[in-house]
Protein backbone atom coordinates (compact mmCIF):
# COMPACT_ATOMS: atom_id res chain seq x y z
CA MET A 1 -27.21 -14.72 179.79
CA ILE A 2 -30.05 -12.69 178.29
CA PRO A 3 -28.84 -11.60 174.80
CA LEU A 4 -29.15 -8.19 173.18
CA ASN A 5 -32.53 -7.56 171.53
CA PHE A 6 -34.00 -10.45 173.53
CA GLU A 7 -37.60 -11.30 172.55
CA PRO A 8 -39.37 -13.17 175.34
CA VAL A 9 -42.11 -15.73 174.97
CA ILE A 10 -45.31 -13.95 176.03
CA HIS A 11 -48.51 -15.71 177.16
CA VAL A 12 -51.53 -13.38 177.14
CA PHE A 13 -54.79 -14.15 178.95
CA ASP A 14 -58.07 -12.27 179.24
CA GLU A 15 -58.40 -13.30 182.89
CA LEU A 16 -56.34 -15.18 185.47
CA ASP A 17 -56.52 -15.62 189.20
CA SER A 18 -52.87 -14.49 189.39
CA THR A 19 -50.18 -14.02 186.75
CA ASN A 20 -47.57 -15.14 189.29
CA SER A 21 -49.42 -18.38 189.99
CA LYS A 22 -49.85 -19.11 186.27
CA LEU A 23 -46.20 -18.47 185.52
CA LYS A 24 -45.03 -20.70 188.36
CA ASP A 25 -47.13 -23.48 186.86
CA LEU A 26 -45.59 -22.82 183.44
CA ALA A 27 -42.08 -22.81 184.96
CA LYS A 28 -42.63 -26.40 186.09
CA THR A 29 -43.17 -27.37 182.44
CA GLY A 30 -39.76 -25.99 181.48
CA VAL A 31 -40.58 -22.65 179.83
CA PRO A 32 -37.42 -20.55 179.30
CA GLU A 33 -36.06 -17.75 181.43
CA GLY A 34 -37.60 -14.44 180.47
CA THR A 35 -41.04 -15.89 179.78
CA LEU A 36 -43.81 -13.35 180.45
CA VAL A 37 -47.41 -13.92 181.47
CA VAL A 38 -49.81 -11.02 180.89
CA ALA A 39 -53.45 -10.78 181.97
CA LYS A 40 -56.10 -8.16 181.27
CA LYS A 41 -57.69 -8.92 184.65
CA GLN A 42 -56.80 -10.83 187.84
CA THR A 43 -59.38 -12.25 190.22
CA LYS A 44 -56.87 -13.01 193.01
CA GLY A 45 -54.05 -10.58 192.42
CA ARG A 46 -51.56 -10.48 195.29
CA GLY A 47 -49.46 -7.76 196.82
CA ARG A 48 -46.79 -7.70 199.50
CA LEU A 49 -47.53 -9.01 203.01
CA GLY A 50 -50.41 -11.16 201.76
CA ARG A 51 -52.50 -8.20 200.64
CA SER A 52 -54.78 -8.38 197.63
CA TRP A 53 -54.04 -6.27 194.55
CA HIS A 54 -57.11 -4.70 192.92
CA SER A 55 -56.81 -5.93 189.33
CA PRO A 56 -59.77 -4.89 187.13
CA VAL A 57 -59.77 -4.54 183.36
CA GLY A 58 -57.78 -1.46 182.44
CA GLY A 59 -54.62 -2.31 184.38
CA LEU A 60 -51.52 -4.04 183.08
CA TYR A 61 -50.64 -7.22 185.00
CA ILE A 62 -47.37 -8.93 184.12
CA SER A 63 -45.16 -11.64 185.57
CA VAL A 64 -41.64 -12.55 184.43
CA LEU A 65 -39.60 -15.70 185.07
CA LEU A 66 -35.98 -15.09 186.07
CA TYR A 67 -33.13 -17.36 187.16
CA PRO A 68 -30.43 -15.10 188.67
CA LEU A 69 -26.87 -16.38 188.57
CA VAL A 70 -26.66 -16.15 192.37
CA PRO A 71 -29.90 -17.68 193.71
CA LYS A 72 -29.47 -16.21 197.19
CA ARG A 73 -29.69 -12.74 195.59
CA ILE A 74 -33.28 -13.27 194.40
CA THR A 75 -34.24 -10.41 196.74
CA ASP A 76 -32.45 -8.05 194.31
CA LEU A 77 -35.06 -8.61 191.61
CA PRO A 78 -37.92 -6.42 192.89
CA PHE A 79 -35.53 -3.44 192.86
CA LEU A 80 -34.48 -4.21 189.29
CA VAL A 81 -38.08 -4.61 188.12
CA GLY A 82 -39.09 -1.46 189.99
CA ILE A 83 -36.52 0.52 188.01
CA ALA A 84 -37.84 -0.99 184.77
CA VAL A 85 -41.38 0.11 185.63
CA THR A 86 -40.14 3.58 186.59
CA GLN A 87 -38.20 3.98 183.35
CA THR A 88 -41.22 2.75 181.40
CA LEU A 89 -43.55 5.32 182.94
CA GLN A 90 -40.96 8.08 182.61
CA GLN A 91 -40.94 7.38 178.88
CA ALA A 92 -44.70 6.92 178.50
CA LEU A 93 -45.98 9.78 180.66
CA PRO A 94 -45.68 13.57 180.23
CA LYS A 95 -42.31 14.85 181.44
CA TYR A 96 -43.84 17.19 184.04
CA LEU A 97 -44.97 14.20 186.10
CA GLU A 98 -42.59 12.89 188.78
CA VAL A 99 -42.18 9.12 188.62
CA SER A 100 -40.24 7.69 191.55
CA LEU A 101 -39.60 4.59 193.64
CA LYS A 102 -40.81 3.75 197.14
CA TRP A 103 -39.04 1.12 199.20
CA PRO A 104 -39.30 -1.77 198.86
CA ASN A 105 -41.59 -2.50 195.92
CA ASP A 106 -43.80 0.38 194.77
CA VAL A 107 -43.70 3.00 192.04
CA LEU A 108 -45.18 6.44 192.65
CA VAL A 109 -46.34 9.25 190.39
CA ASN A 110 -46.55 12.61 192.13
CA GLN A 111 -46.22 10.73 195.44
CA LYS A 112 -49.20 8.45 194.75
CA LYS A 113 -48.94 4.71 194.14
CA ILE A 114 -49.35 3.69 190.52
CA ALA A 115 -47.61 0.28 190.48
CA GLY A 116 -46.62 -2.53 192.80
CA ILE A 117 -44.23 -5.47 192.53
CA LEU A 118 -44.35 -8.93 194.09
CA SER A 119 -41.42 -11.34 193.85
CA GLU A 120 -41.89 -15.01 194.75
CA ALA A 121 -39.02 -17.47 194.88
CA PHE A 122 -39.45 -21.10 193.90
CA ASP A 123 -37.40 -24.16 193.06
CA HIS A 124 -38.08 -26.94 190.59
CA ASN A 125 -35.75 -29.84 189.84
CA GLU A 126 -32.91 -28.05 191.67
CA PHE A 127 -33.34 -24.86 189.61
CA TYR A 128 -33.84 -21.84 191.83
CA GLY A 129 -35.63 -18.86 190.39
CA ALA A 130 -38.20 -16.18 190.93
CA VAL A 131 -41.45 -15.07 189.42
CA VAL A 132 -41.74 -11.30 189.65
CA GLY A 133 -45.20 -9.83 189.21
CA VAL A 134 -46.06 -6.24 188.30
CA GLY A 135 -49.39 -4.45 188.47
CA ILE A 136 -49.62 -1.03 186.79
CA ASN A 137 -52.74 1.11 187.07
CA VAL A 138 -53.25 2.39 183.54
CA ASN A 139 -56.82 2.90 182.31
CA LEU A 140 -58.46 2.89 185.74
CA GLU A 141 -60.99 5.64 186.41
CA PRO A 142 -60.76 7.65 189.66
CA ALA A 143 -63.91 5.91 190.92
CA GLU A 144 -62.07 2.55 190.73
CA LEU A 145 -59.36 3.98 192.97
CA ALA A 146 -61.60 5.72 195.52
CA PRO A 147 -61.57 2.78 198.01
CA PHE A 148 -57.78 3.21 198.33
CA GLU A 149 -57.74 6.96 199.00
CA LYS A 150 -57.06 6.41 202.71
CA ASN A 151 -54.10 4.08 202.16
CA LEU A 152 -50.72 5.26 203.44
CA PHE A 153 -49.84 6.22 199.87
CA SER A 154 -53.12 6.65 197.98
CA ALA A 155 -53.58 4.98 194.60
CA THR A 156 -53.58 6.65 191.21
CA SER A 157 -53.54 5.63 187.55
CA VAL A 158 -52.34 6.96 184.21
CA GLN A 159 -55.92 7.91 183.38
CA ALA A 160 -56.53 9.62 186.73
CA ILE A 161 -53.37 11.69 186.38
CA THR A 162 -53.52 12.67 182.72
CA GLY A 163 -57.28 12.60 182.09
CA GLU A 164 -56.57 10.57 178.96
CA THR A 165 -58.52 7.38 178.26
CA GLY A 166 -57.50 4.39 176.21
CA THR A 167 -53.73 4.42 176.83
CA SER A 168 -52.32 1.46 174.92
CA LEU A 169 -51.38 -1.38 177.27
CA GLU A 170 -49.47 -2.98 174.40
CA ASP A 171 -47.29 0.10 174.01
CA ILE A 172 -46.49 0.15 177.71
CA LEU A 173 -45.70 -3.57 177.65
CA THR A 174 -43.36 -3.06 174.68
CA ILE A 175 -41.42 -0.35 176.51
CA PHE A 176 -41.35 -2.36 179.73
CA LYS A 177 -39.89 -5.53 178.28
CA VAL A 178 -37.03 -3.60 176.65
CA LYS A 179 -36.22 -1.75 179.88
CA LEU A 180 -36.52 -4.94 181.94
CA PHE A 181 -34.17 -7.12 179.93
CA ASN A 182 -31.62 -4.34 179.39
CA LEU A 183 -31.43 -3.93 183.18
CA TYR A 184 -31.34 -7.67 183.76
CA ARG A 185 -28.41 -8.03 181.37
CA VAL A 186 -26.53 -5.31 183.32
CA TYR A 187 -27.37 -7.15 186.55
CA GLN A 188 -26.07 -10.44 185.17
CA GLU A 189 -22.82 -8.81 184.12
CA LYS A 190 -22.14 -6.45 187.04
CA GLY A 191 -24.28 -7.53 189.99
CA PHE A 192 -26.42 -5.42 192.31
CA ALA A 193 -24.21 -2.31 192.59
CA PRO A 194 -25.42 -0.57 189.38
CA ILE A 195 -29.01 -1.55 190.17
CA GLN A 196 -28.65 -0.07 193.65
CA ALA A 197 -27.27 3.17 192.18
CA LEU A 198 -30.12 3.44 189.65
CA TRP A 199 -32.73 2.72 192.30
CA GLU A 200 -31.37 5.42 194.60
CA ARG A 201 -31.23 7.90 191.70
CA ASN A 202 -34.93 7.30 191.02
CA CYS A 203 -36.06 7.45 194.66
CA LYS A 204 -37.11 10.96 195.72
CA MET A 205 -37.14 9.94 199.39
CA ILE A 206 -33.37 9.68 199.76
CA GLY A 207 -32.23 12.25 202.32
CA LYS A 208 -35.78 12.80 203.59
CA LYS A 209 -37.26 12.03 207.01
CA ILE A 210 -39.27 8.79 206.85
CA GLU A 211 -41.23 6.51 209.18
CA ILE A 212 -40.90 2.72 209.04
CA ARG A 213 -43.48 0.57 210.84
CA ASN A 214 -43.38 -3.09 211.86
CA VAL A 215 -39.60 -3.20 211.93
CA GLU A 216 -38.38 -6.71 212.77
CA PRO A 217 -37.73 -8.35 215.15
CA LYS A 218 -39.87 -6.36 217.61
CA GLY A 219 -42.42 -4.80 215.25
CA GLU A 220 -41.45 -1.30 216.35
CA THR A 221 -41.83 2.03 214.53
CA VAL A 222 -38.64 3.89 213.64
CA VAL A 223 -38.22 7.46 212.34
CA GLY A 224 -35.04 8.82 210.77
CA ASN A 225 -33.42 10.13 207.61
CA PHE A 226 -33.33 7.80 204.61
CA TRP A 227 -29.62 7.48 203.89
CA GLY A 228 -29.92 4.99 201.01
CA LEU A 229 -30.06 1.29 200.22
CA SER A 230 -27.79 -1.24 201.84
CA GLU A 231 -25.91 -3.81 199.76
CA ARG A 232 -28.65 -6.27 200.71
CA GLY A 233 -31.48 -4.00 199.57
CA GLY A 234 -32.46 -2.80 203.01
CA ILE A 235 -33.05 0.78 204.09
CA VAL A 236 -30.14 2.52 205.76
CA LEU A 237 -31.68 4.89 208.26
CA GLU A 238 -29.85 7.69 210.02
CA ILE A 239 -31.38 8.30 213.46
CA PRO A 240 -30.34 11.48 215.30
CA GLY A 241 -27.95 10.69 218.15
CA LYS A 242 -27.54 7.06 217.08
CA ASP A 243 -25.55 5.00 214.60
CA LYS A 244 -27.00 4.27 211.18
CA MET A 245 -29.21 1.19 211.14
CA GLU A 246 -30.13 -1.24 208.38
CA ILE A 247 -33.80 -2.25 208.07
CA LEU A 248 -34.51 -5.29 205.93
CA SER A 249 -38.19 -5.74 206.69
CA GLY A 250 -40.86 -3.20 207.50
CA GLU A 251 -43.38 -0.85 205.96
CA LEU A 252 -42.49 2.65 204.82
CA ALA A 253 -45.49 4.50 206.16
CA CYS A 254 -44.66 8.18 205.79
CA CYS A 255 -42.20 10.50 204.10
CA TRP A 256 -41.76 14.20 204.86
CA PHE A 257 -41.02 15.31 201.30
């Protein structure tokens, strides 16, 4: 159990290929749960579905090692970490900005993507855990983000939104680790239900019409109203004239806010 006022071991690097890869290597040496790896730059940052994550100097790149009490519920962790990132930015950014969650693993500010999360399960000596990586666009200039303007949800950064340069990455990390371990302690004590409720409260897409592409098993596109999260972390979609359906894998491509 993560105790109150938990202070994690933090390994800081100027440059890594991937914070997730480094932390998985450290996990094999027996570092404790809650260990964080932080890099100022990644050369091979990864996102969901095998995509690369643009990781220049100016962003905050973090990975955390977690061993949930129920290993088969490792898929809960990206939702938990997403809430921690959202709460961090809500505290750090001006209150007039809307920070929200996008299923399954992104954080938006004013409907633009500012952070992404990648969870990777692993086992070592019969211990089953996960390394959860976070990339937050902080001091990235608009020119750095221009190549991603045509993405389904275009990229933004703290600097691009506020016009302020030199936001302290250390301050954001300090807020994040407190939010993260407070949420993780709640999760250890009460399971996914309170995490699900917090996630839904911080998702501005609930009740809106959305489009999901590449829905398994047929890779189809589905449009309906976003009812909420399922107990397994999937989207519950209400389709006119049909029963509600649960989608566990796909890409949220559009929301009619």
